[in-house]
Amino acid sequence: MKRYKLMMSAVALMLASTSCSDYFLNLEPTDTQTEANYYKTAAQFEAAANGTYSFYGFKDLSETVNGTKYTHIVYNIWDNGSDLRSELNEAVQGTLSAGQTDTYWSLCYAKIRKCNVVIEKAEEYTGTESIAASVATAKFFRAYQYFWLLERFGGVPLVTRTLSTGSEELYAARNSRYEVVGQILSDLTDAINGLPDESSYDGKVTKQGAQAFKARVLLFEATWEKYVKETTDGNGTSEGAGSAKPSGYPSVESMLTEAASLADAVISSKKYSLWSAEGTVYENIAYNYLFNLEDENTNPMGYKKDLNKEYILQVCHDPVSNKCSKNITHAYAGSNITLKWMNMVPCISDGLPYFYSKDYKGFNKMTDMYDNRDSRLTACVKIPGKTY
């Protein structure tokens, strides 16, 4: 009887060993994940799509491209090329000279490659779980990166596939701004169709976010077409990227109409609302807490962070998983805005900028321009003589 039990135990051990061997032989190597052996499950596509996110937030980040590290500093997200800030950089001063390298260029194309990989691998996917949202995310951020490039350089090389050392795109001329815009709009249309509705306000890109961003792109390009036209296009060889327009390129009127329609769709979705304390004694200072709200102890209204539903596209910072790495409330001095910005803030009575409003009082007293003004001014700029 003991011999029989011993033989049965030996057989069981052999079967277990065989089963364990099959298990270990079939495991995916976690230390050698490559583009060739990854992209098999919906979870892997989601993880890869998360890697295409480009909203850096209030922190410094880096991307490594072919062994070279390019750093994105927090100041890059500010509009230094605007006359609404007092710290004018050389771009707005007209003294910027062409360089041999540009961090914007390198970082954008590094992100574009990540997007292209996700989009290409989706064509080979044979799983049953949906990867539509992941692909839509990659297309959104490919459009997002090309819009950064468009604003900074105009026409740039269009790269919509992963490249090798012999790829012809590495030696190709720049595409026209019209071809770049066409690609951006196409990607955003696909993103709108593939992304889910806003629900959790967690920083994930949503359908409404894609609609809002496409409206912005359309407004930018429509006004460029209306006022700048082809004056900066060049001939595509010795200067500029040329004036080549794809067939069916939208007119100024159609772009403005679609922008309005998309903006209306975002508003009508009722997914977002303006941050305010309307009807309370804190109404005029609520805007001051829009950007630094942490919990109910950080503001006199006692509002929690999850009550803020104004942001359409946002970066969610967290003291554990996504630190800001900047002491904003104690160390940051402000945005150094100009008088031009202050004059543009509307008056409460008629919604017009200061110069055009019936509330205009001139500048005889330092405090005149603060009366009856939108809280975005009084929450951002200290009124002379007032104690804070």
Protein backbone atom coordinates (compact mmCIF):
# COMPACT_ATOMS: atom_id res chain seq x y z
CA MET A 1 0.00 0.00 0.00
CA LYS A 2 2.88 2.35 0.85
CA ARG A 3 4.59 1.44 -2.44
CA TYR A 4 1.39 2.30 -4.38
CA LYS A 5 1.13 5.67 -2.67
CA LEU A 6 4.78 6.37 -3.41
CA MET A 7 4.27 5.58 -7.11
CA MET A 8 1.19 7.82 -7.26
CA SER A 9 3.14 10.63 -5.63
CA ALA A 10 5.92 10.24 -8.16
CA VAL A 11 3.42 10.40 -11.06
CA ALA A 12 1.79 13.49 -9.56
CA LEU A 13 5.19 15.13 -9.16
CA MET A 14 6.03 14.40 -12.80
CA LEU A 15 2.72 15.88 -13.97
CA ALA A 16 3.21 18.95 -11.80
CA SER A 17 6.75 19.39 -13.10
CA THR A 18 5.51 19.17 -16.68
CA SER A 19 2.76 21.69 -15.99
CA CYS A 20 5.18 24.06 -14.24
CA SER A 21 7.65 23.73 -17.08
CA ASP A 22 4.99 24.65 -19.61
CA TYR A 23 3.98 27.61 -17.46
CA PHE A 24 7.48 28.98 -17.12
CA LEU A 25 8.29 28.33 -20.77
CA ASN A 26 5.21 30.31 -21.84
CA LEU A 27 5.88 33.36 -19.66
CA GLU A 28 6.54 36.65 -21.42
CA PRO A 29 10.04 37.98 -20.65
CA THR A 30 9.41 41.05 -18.48
CA ASP A 31 12.97 42.36 -18.82
CA THR A 32 13.09 42.32 -22.62
CA GLN A 33 9.82 43.90 -23.70
CA THR A 34 10.13 45.18 -27.25
CA GLU A 35 7.79 46.59 -29.87
CA ALA A 36 7.85 43.16 -31.51
CA ASN A 37 6.68 41.09 -28.51
CA TYR A 38 4.50 43.70 -26.75
CA TYR A 39 1.13 45.03 -28.03
CA LYS A 40 -0.72 41.75 -27.55
CA THR A 41 -3.41 42.83 -25.08
CA ALA A 42 -5.71 45.79 -24.59
CA ALA A 43 -3.94 46.53 -21.28
CA GLN A 44 -0.61 46.80 -23.08
CA PHE A 45 -2.09 49.20 -25.63
CA GLU A 46 -3.50 51.32 -22.81
CA ALA A 47 -0.11 51.45 -21.09
CA ALA A 48 1.57 52.43 -24.35
CA ALA A 49 -1.06 55.09 -25.05
CA ASN A 50 -0.45 56.54 -21.59
CA GLY A 51 3.16 57.00 -22.68
CA THR A 52 2.04 59.35 -25.45
CA TYR A 53 0.59 61.91 -23.03
CA SER A 54 2.13 65.32 -23.56
CA PHE A 55 0.57 67.46 -20.85
CA TYR A 56 3.69 67.90 -18.78
CA GLY A 57 2.17 70.13 -16.14
CA PHE A 58 4.10 72.21 -13.65
CA LYS A 59 7.28 70.13 -13.63
CA ASP A 60 10.47 69.44 -15.59
CA LEU A 61 10.53 66.26 -17.70
CA SER A 62 12.89 64.67 -20.20
CA GLU A 63 12.66 62.45 -23.26
CA THR A 64 15.56 60.40 -24.59
CA VAL A 65 15.81 60.18 -28.39
CA ASN A 66 18.43 57.84 -29.87
CA GLY A 67 20.46 58.07 -26.69
CA THR A 68 20.25 61.86 -26.46
CA LYS A 69 18.38 63.38 -23.52
CA TYR A 70 16.18 66.41 -24.19
CA THR A 71 14.77 68.28 -21.22
CA HIS A 72 11.43 70.06 -21.08
CA ILE A 73 11.44 72.71 -18.38
CA VAL A 74 8.27 74.09 -16.86
CA TYR A 75 8.85 77.55 -18.34
CA ASN A 76 8.36 76.12 -21.85
CA ILE A 77 4.61 75.89 -21.28
CA TRP A 78 4.26 79.64 -20.78
CA ASP A 79 3.50 81.97 -23.63
CA ASN A 80 6.73 83.93 -23.62
CA GLY A 81 6.08 84.97 -27.21
CA SER A 82 3.21 87.23 -26.17
CA ASP A 83 3.03 90.94 -25.39
CA LEU A 84 0.65 90.11 -22.53
CA ARG A 85 3.62 89.28 -20.29
CA SER A 86 6.39 91.64 -19.27
CA GLU A 87 9.15 89.05 -19.70
CA LEU A 88 9.38 89.23 -23.49
CA ASN A 89 11.73 86.70 -25.00
CA GLU A 90 13.77 87.12 -28.17
CA ALA A 91 11.04 85.57 -30.32
CA VAL A 92 8.55 88.38 -29.66
CA GLN A 93 11.34 90.96 -29.70
CA GLY A 94 12.28 89.88 -33.21
CA THR A 95 15.88 89.08 -32.29
CA LEU A 96 15.67 85.28 -32.42
CA SER A 97 18.21 83.74 -34.78
CA ALA A 98 17.95 80.31 -36.39
CA GLY A 99 19.84 77.61 -34.52
CA GLN A 100 21.10 74.17 -35.45
CA THR A 101 19.04 72.40 -32.77
CA ASP A 102 15.72 73.00 -31.06
CA THR A 103 14.38 71.14 -28.04
CA TYR A 104 10.78 71.64 -29.20
CA TRP A 105 11.60 69.86 -32.46
CA SER A 106 13.30 66.89 -30.80
CA LEU A 107 10.74 66.42 -28.04
CA CYS A 108 7.79 66.69 -30.41
CA TYR A 109 9.13 64.10 -32.83
CA ALA A 110 10.05 61.78 -29.94
CA LYS A 111 6.42 61.85 -28.83
CA ILE A 112 5.17 61.53 -32.42
CA ARG A 113 7.17 58.32 -32.80
CA LYS A 114 5.49 56.86 -29.69
CA CYS A 115 2.11 57.72 -31.19
CA ASN A 116 3.01 56.18 -34.55
CA VAL A 117 4.03 52.91 -32.87
CA VAL A 118 0.67 52.57 -31.10
CA ILE A 119 -1.26 53.40 -34.27
CA GLU A 120 0.75 50.95 -36.41
CA LYS A 121 0.57 48.10 -33.91
CA ALA A 122 -3.20 48.54 -33.68
CA GLU A 123 -3.44 47.44 -37.31
CA GLU A 124 -1.87 44.09 -36.33
CA TYR A 125 -3.94 43.57 -33.19
CA THR A 126 -6.02 40.37 -33.16
CA GLY A 127 -7.39 40.46 -29.62
CA THR A 128 -11.07 40.67 -28.72
CA GLU A 129 -10.93 43.54 -26.20
CA SER A 130 -11.39 47.03 -27.59
CA ILE A 131 -8.33 49.24 -28.07
CA ALA A 132 -10.27 52.09 -29.70
CA ALA A 133 -9.67 54.54 -26.85
CA SER A 134 -5.93 53.82 -26.81
CA VAL A 135 -5.60 54.41 -30.55
CA ALA A 136 -7.70 57.56 -30.28
CA THR A 137 -5.42 58.81 -27.49
CA ALA A 138 -2.35 58.26 -29.66
CA LYS A 139 -3.98 60.14 -32.55
CA PHE A 140 -4.95 63.00 -30.25
CA PHE A 141 -1.39 63.46 -29.05
CA ARG A 142 0.08 63.08 -32.51
CA ALA A 143 -2.15 66.00 -33.50
CA TYR A 144 -1.19 67.83 -30.30
CA GLN A 145 2.52 67.55 -31.08
CA TYR A 146 2.10 68.61 -34.71
CA PHE A 147 0.16 71.67 -33.55
CA TRP A 148 3.09 72.65 -31.32
CA LEU A 149 5.39 72.28 -34.33
CA LEU A 150 2.98 74.21 -36.59
CA GLU A 151 2.83 77.15 -34.20
CA ARG A 152 6.62 77.31 -33.86
CA PHE A 153 7.86 76.38 -37.35
CA GLY A 154 4.94 76.50 -39.77
CA GLY A 155 5.26 73.62 -42.23
CA VAL A 156 7.31 70.66 -40.95
CA PRO A 157 8.04 67.12 -42.20
CA LEU A 158 5.02 64.88 -41.76
CA VAL A 159 5.98 61.53 -40.24
CA THR A 160 3.04 59.19 -39.76
CA ARG A 161 4.93 55.89 -39.48
CA THR A 162 7.90 54.57 -37.55
CA LEU A 163 11.18 55.17 -39.35
CA SER A 164 14.40 53.27 -39.86
CA THR A 165 17.84 54.61 -40.75
CA GLY A 166 17.04 54.42 -44.46
CA SER A 167 13.56 55.96 -44.38
CA GLU A 168 13.04 58.59 -47.07
CA GLU A 169 11.26 60.89 -44.60
CA LEU A 170 14.62 61.52 -42.91
CA TYR A 171 15.78 63.38 -46.01
CA ALA A 172 12.47 64.80 -47.20
CA ALA A 173 11.61 68.48 -47.44
CA ARG A 174 9.13 70.08 -45.11
CA ASN A 175 5.45 69.62 -45.82
CA SER A 176 3.39 72.76 -46.23
CA ARG A 177 1.47 74.12 -43.24
CA TYR A 178 -1.71 73.14 -45.06
CA GLU A 179 -0.66 69.49 -45.23
CA VAL A 180 0.27 69.57 -41.54
CA VAL A 181 -3.09 71.12 -40.61
CA GLY A 182 -4.86 68.53 -42.74
CA GLN A 183 -3.16 65.73 -40.79
CA ILE A 184 -3.95 67.37 -37.44
CA LEU A 185 -7.63 67.75 -38.28
CA SER A 186 -7.85 64.17 -39.56
CA ASP A 187 -6.28 62.78 -36.38
CA LEU A 188 -8.55 64.87 -34.18
CA THR A 189 -11.64 63.69 -36.05
CA ASP A 190 -10.59 60.09 -35.35
CA ALA A 191 -9.84 60.98 -31.73
CA ILE A 192 -13.30 62.49 -31.23
CA ASN A 193 -14.90 59.34 -32.62
CA GLY A 194 -12.81 56.99 -30.47
CA LEU A 195 -12.51 58.68 -27.08
CA PRO A 196 -15.03 58.28 -24.25
CA ASP A 197 -17.10 61.08 -22.72
CA GLU A 198 -15.74 63.01 -19.75
CA SER A 199 -16.70 61.33 -16.49
CA SER A 200 -13.96 61.25 -13.87
CA TYR A 201 -12.00 64.50 -14.39
CA ASP A 202 -8.79 62.54 -13.83
CA GLY A 203 -6.63 64.11 -16.53
CA LYS A 204 -7.45 61.53 -19.18
CA VAL A 205 -8.16 62.82 -22.68
CA THR A 206 -11.85 62.64 -23.54
CA LYS A 207 -14.16 63.21 -26.48
CA GLN A 208 -14.97 66.70 -25.21
CA GLY A 209 -11.29 67.47 -24.81
CA ALA A 210 -10.64 66.47 -28.42
CA GLN A 211 -13.58 68.59 -29.56
CA ALA A 212 -12.28 71.62 -27.67
CA PHE A 213 -8.76 71.18 -29.01
CA LYS A 214 -9.95 70.75 -32.59
CA ALA A 215 -11.95 73.97 -32.21
CA ARG A 216 -8.78 75.73 -31.12
CA VAL A 217 -6.82 74.38 -34.10
CA LEU A 218 -9.56 75.47 -36.49
CA LEU A 219 -9.68 78.97 -34.99
CA PHE A 220 -5.90 79.27 -35.24
CA GLU A 221 -5.73 78.15 -38.86
CA ALA A 222 -8.84 80.04 -39.99
CA THR A 223 -7.56 83.35 -38.63
CA TRP A 224 -4.10 82.64 -40.07
CA GLU A 225 -5.65 81.99 -43.47
CA LYS A 226 -7.75 85.14 -43.21
CA TYR A 227 -5.09 87.60 -42.11
CA VAL A 228 -1.67 86.13 -42.95
CA LYS A 229 -2.67 84.13 -46.03
CA GLU A 230 0.32 82.77 -48.00
CA THR A 231 2.81 85.49 -47.14
CA THR A 232 5.00 83.19 -45.03
CA ASP A 233 4.76 80.06 -47.20
CA GLY A 234 7.81 80.62 -49.38
CA ASN A 235 8.60 78.46 -52.38
CA GLY A 236 9.28 75.24 -50.47
CA THR A 237 12.94 75.05 -51.44
CA SER A 238 15.07 78.08 -50.64
CA GLU A 239 12.55 79.55 -48.19
CA GLY A 240 9.42 78.42 -46.37
CA ALA A 241 7.64 75.11 -46.80
CA GLY A 242 5.60 76.01 -49.86
CA SER A 243 1.91 76.54 -50.44
CA ALA A 244 0.80 73.01 -51.32
CA LYS A 245 -2.80 72.50 -50.22
CA PRO A 246 -4.45 69.07 -49.99
CA SER A 247 -7.56 68.61 -52.10
CA GLY A 248 -10.69 69.68 -50.30
CA TYR A 249 -8.82 71.94 -47.88
CA PRO A 250 -11.45 73.75 -45.79
CA SER A 251 -12.25 77.40 -46.35
CA VAL A 252 -11.95 80.09 -43.69
CA GLU A 253 -15.72 80.19 -43.32
CA SER A 254 -16.08 76.43 -42.94
CA MET A 255 -13.29 76.25 -40.36
CA LEU A 256 -14.83 79.02 -38.26
CA THR A 257 -18.27 77.40 -38.54
CA GLU A 258 -16.94 74.01 -37.44
CA ALA A 259 -14.99 75.60 -34.56
CA ALA A 260 -18.19 77.22 -33.29
CA SER A 261 -20.09 73.94 -33.66
CA LEU A 262 -17.46 71.98 -31.72
CA ALA A 263 -17.32 74.58 -28.95
CA ASP A 264 -21.10 74.46 -28.71
CA ALA A 265 -20.97 70.67 -28.45
CA VAL A 266 -18.60 70.92 -25.49
CA ILE A 267 -20.83 73.47 -23.78
CA SER A 268 -24.01 71.52 -24.52
CA SER A 269 -22.51 68.34 -23.07
CA LYS A 270 -22.79 69.99 -19.64
CA LYS A 271 -19.68 68.09 -18.58
CA TYR A 272 -17.98 71.26 -17.39
CA SER A 273 -18.90 74.36 -15.43
CA LEU A 274 -17.16 77.60 -14.56
CA TRP A 275 -15.44 77.62 -11.19
CA SER A 276 -17.14 80.17 -8.99
CA ALA A 277 -18.69 80.86 -5.61
CA GLU A 278 -21.71 82.61 -7.06
CA GLY A 279 -24.15 83.83 -4.47
CA THR A 280 -21.65 83.67 -1.60
CA VAL A 281 -19.47 86.30 0.05
CA TYR A 282 -16.49 84.66 -1.65
CA GLU A 283 -17.74 85.20 -5.19
CA ASN A 284 -15.16 87.87 -6.07
CA ILE A 285 -12.18 85.86 -4.84
CA ALA A 286 -13.10 82.35 -5.97
CA TYR A 287 -10.96 82.62 -9.10
CA ASN A 288 -7.92 83.12 -6.91
CA TYR A 289 -8.24 79.50 -5.77
CA LEU A 290 -8.83 77.95 -9.18
CA PHE A 291 -5.20 76.97 -9.72
CA ASN A 292 -4.10 76.14 -6.18
CA LEU A 293 -7.09 74.27 -4.75
CA GLU A 294 -5.95 71.17 -2.87
CA ASP A 295 -8.60 70.32 -0.29
CA GLU A 296 -11.23 71.97 1.87
CA ASN A 297 -8.53 73.46 4.12
CA THR A 298 -6.88 75.47 1.32
CA ASN A 299 -9.72 77.91 0.66
CA PRO A 300 -12.23 79.88 2.73
CA MET A 301 -15.17 78.31 0.89
CA GLY A 302 -14.28 74.85 2.17
CA TYR A 303 -14.45 73.43 -1.37
CA LYS A 304 -12.85 70.09 -2.18
CA LYS A 305 -10.71 69.58 -5.24
CA ASP A 306 -13.25 67.33 -6.95
CA LEU A 307 -15.75 70.20 -7.11
CA ASN A 308 -13.64 71.93 -9.76
CA LYS A 309 -15.04 70.92 -13.15
CA GLU A 310 -13.78 73.85 -15.18
CA TYR A 311 -10.72 72.16 -16.73
CA ILE A 312 -11.27 70.45 -20.07
CA LEU A 313 -7.68 69.35 -20.60
CA GLN A 314 -5.69 69.14 -17.39
CA VAL A 315 -2.68 67.70 -15.63
CA CYS A 316 -3.55 66.13 -12.29
CA HIS A 317 -0.74 66.55 -9.79
CA ASP A 318 -0.60 64.40 -6.69
CA PRO A 319 1.71 64.52 -3.65
CA VAL A 320 2.53 60.82 -4.09
CA SER A 321 2.15 59.70 -7.71
CA ASN A 322 2.78 62.93 -9.64
CA LYS A 323 4.62 65.54 -7.62
CA CYS A 324 4.77 69.07 -8.91
CA SER A 325 8.39 69.48 -7.79
CA LYS A 326 7.73 73.22 -7.57
CA ASN A 327 6.61 75.11 -4.47
CA ILE A 328 4.08 77.21 -6.36
CA THR A 329 2.24 78.89 -3.52
CA HIS A 330 5.37 79.93 -1.61
CA ALA A 331 8.14 80.32 -4.18
CA TYR A 332 6.57 81.43 -7.45
CA ALA A 333 6.42 85.20 -7.87
CA GLY A 334 3.71 85.48 -10.53
CA SER A 335 3.31 85.86 -14.27
CA ASN A 336 4.42 89.50 -14.61
CA ILE A 337 1.44 90.48 -16.73
CA THR A 338 1.37 93.74 -18.68
CA LEU A 339 -1.00 96.70 -18.64
CA LYS A 340 -2.30 95.47 -22.00
CA TRP A 341 -3.58 92.28 -20.38
CA MET A 342 -5.18 94.29 -17.56
CA ASN A 343 -6.98 96.51 -20.06
CA MET A 344 -8.31 93.48 -21.94
CA VAL A 345 -10.06 92.01 -18.89
CA PRO A 346 -13.77 92.87 -19.28
CA CYS A 347 -15.87 95.13 -17.07
CA ILE A 348 -18.77 93.59 -15.20
CA SER A 349 -21.51 95.96 -16.38
CA ASP A 350 -21.24 95.39 -20.15
CA GLY A 351 -18.56 92.74 -20.68
CA LEU A 352 -16.36 95.09 -22.69
CA PRO A 353 -12.61 95.69 -22.25
CA TYR A 354 -11.73 98.65 -20.06
CA PHE A 355 -11.06 101.14 -22.90
CA TYR A 356 -14.42 100.41 -24.55
CA SER A 357 -16.63 100.08 -21.48
CA LYS A 358 -18.94 102.69 -20.04
CA ASP A 359 -17.08 102.06 -16.77
CA TYR A 360 -13.87 103.51 -18.21
CA LYS A 361 -12.46 106.12 -15.80
CA GLY A 362 -9.02 106.67 -17.22
CA PHE A 363 -5.86 106.42 -15.13
CA ASN A 364 -5.93 109.52 -12.94
CA LYS A 365 -6.05 107.36 -9.83
CA MET A 366 -4.16 104.11 -9.48
CA THR A 367 -7.31 102.35 -8.26
CA ASP A 368 -9.78 103.58 -10.92
CA MET A 369 -9.20 100.72 -13.32
CA TYR A 370 -10.08 98.11 -10.67
CA ASP A 371 -13.69 99.23 -10.19
CA ASN A 372 -16.41 97.01 -11.69
CA ARG A 373 -13.86 94.66 -13.26
CA ASP A 374 -14.04 90.93 -13.81
CA SER A 375 -12.68 88.92 -10.86
CA ARG A 376 -9.93 87.49 -13.09
CA LEU A 377 -8.26 90.89 -12.73
CA THR A 378 -8.89 91.50 -9.03
CA ALA A 379 -7.95 87.91 -8.14
CA CYS A 380 -4.64 88.06 -10.03
CA VAL A 381 -3.47 91.64 -9.51
CA LYS A 382 -3.23 93.27 -6.11
CA ILE A 383 -5.06 96.61 -5.83
CA PRO A 384 -2.74 99.44 -4.71
CA GLY A 385 -3.36 100.51 -1.13
CA LYS A 386 -5.38 97.47 -0.17
CA THR A 387 -4.22 95.25 2.68
CA TYR A 388 -3.97 91.53 1.90
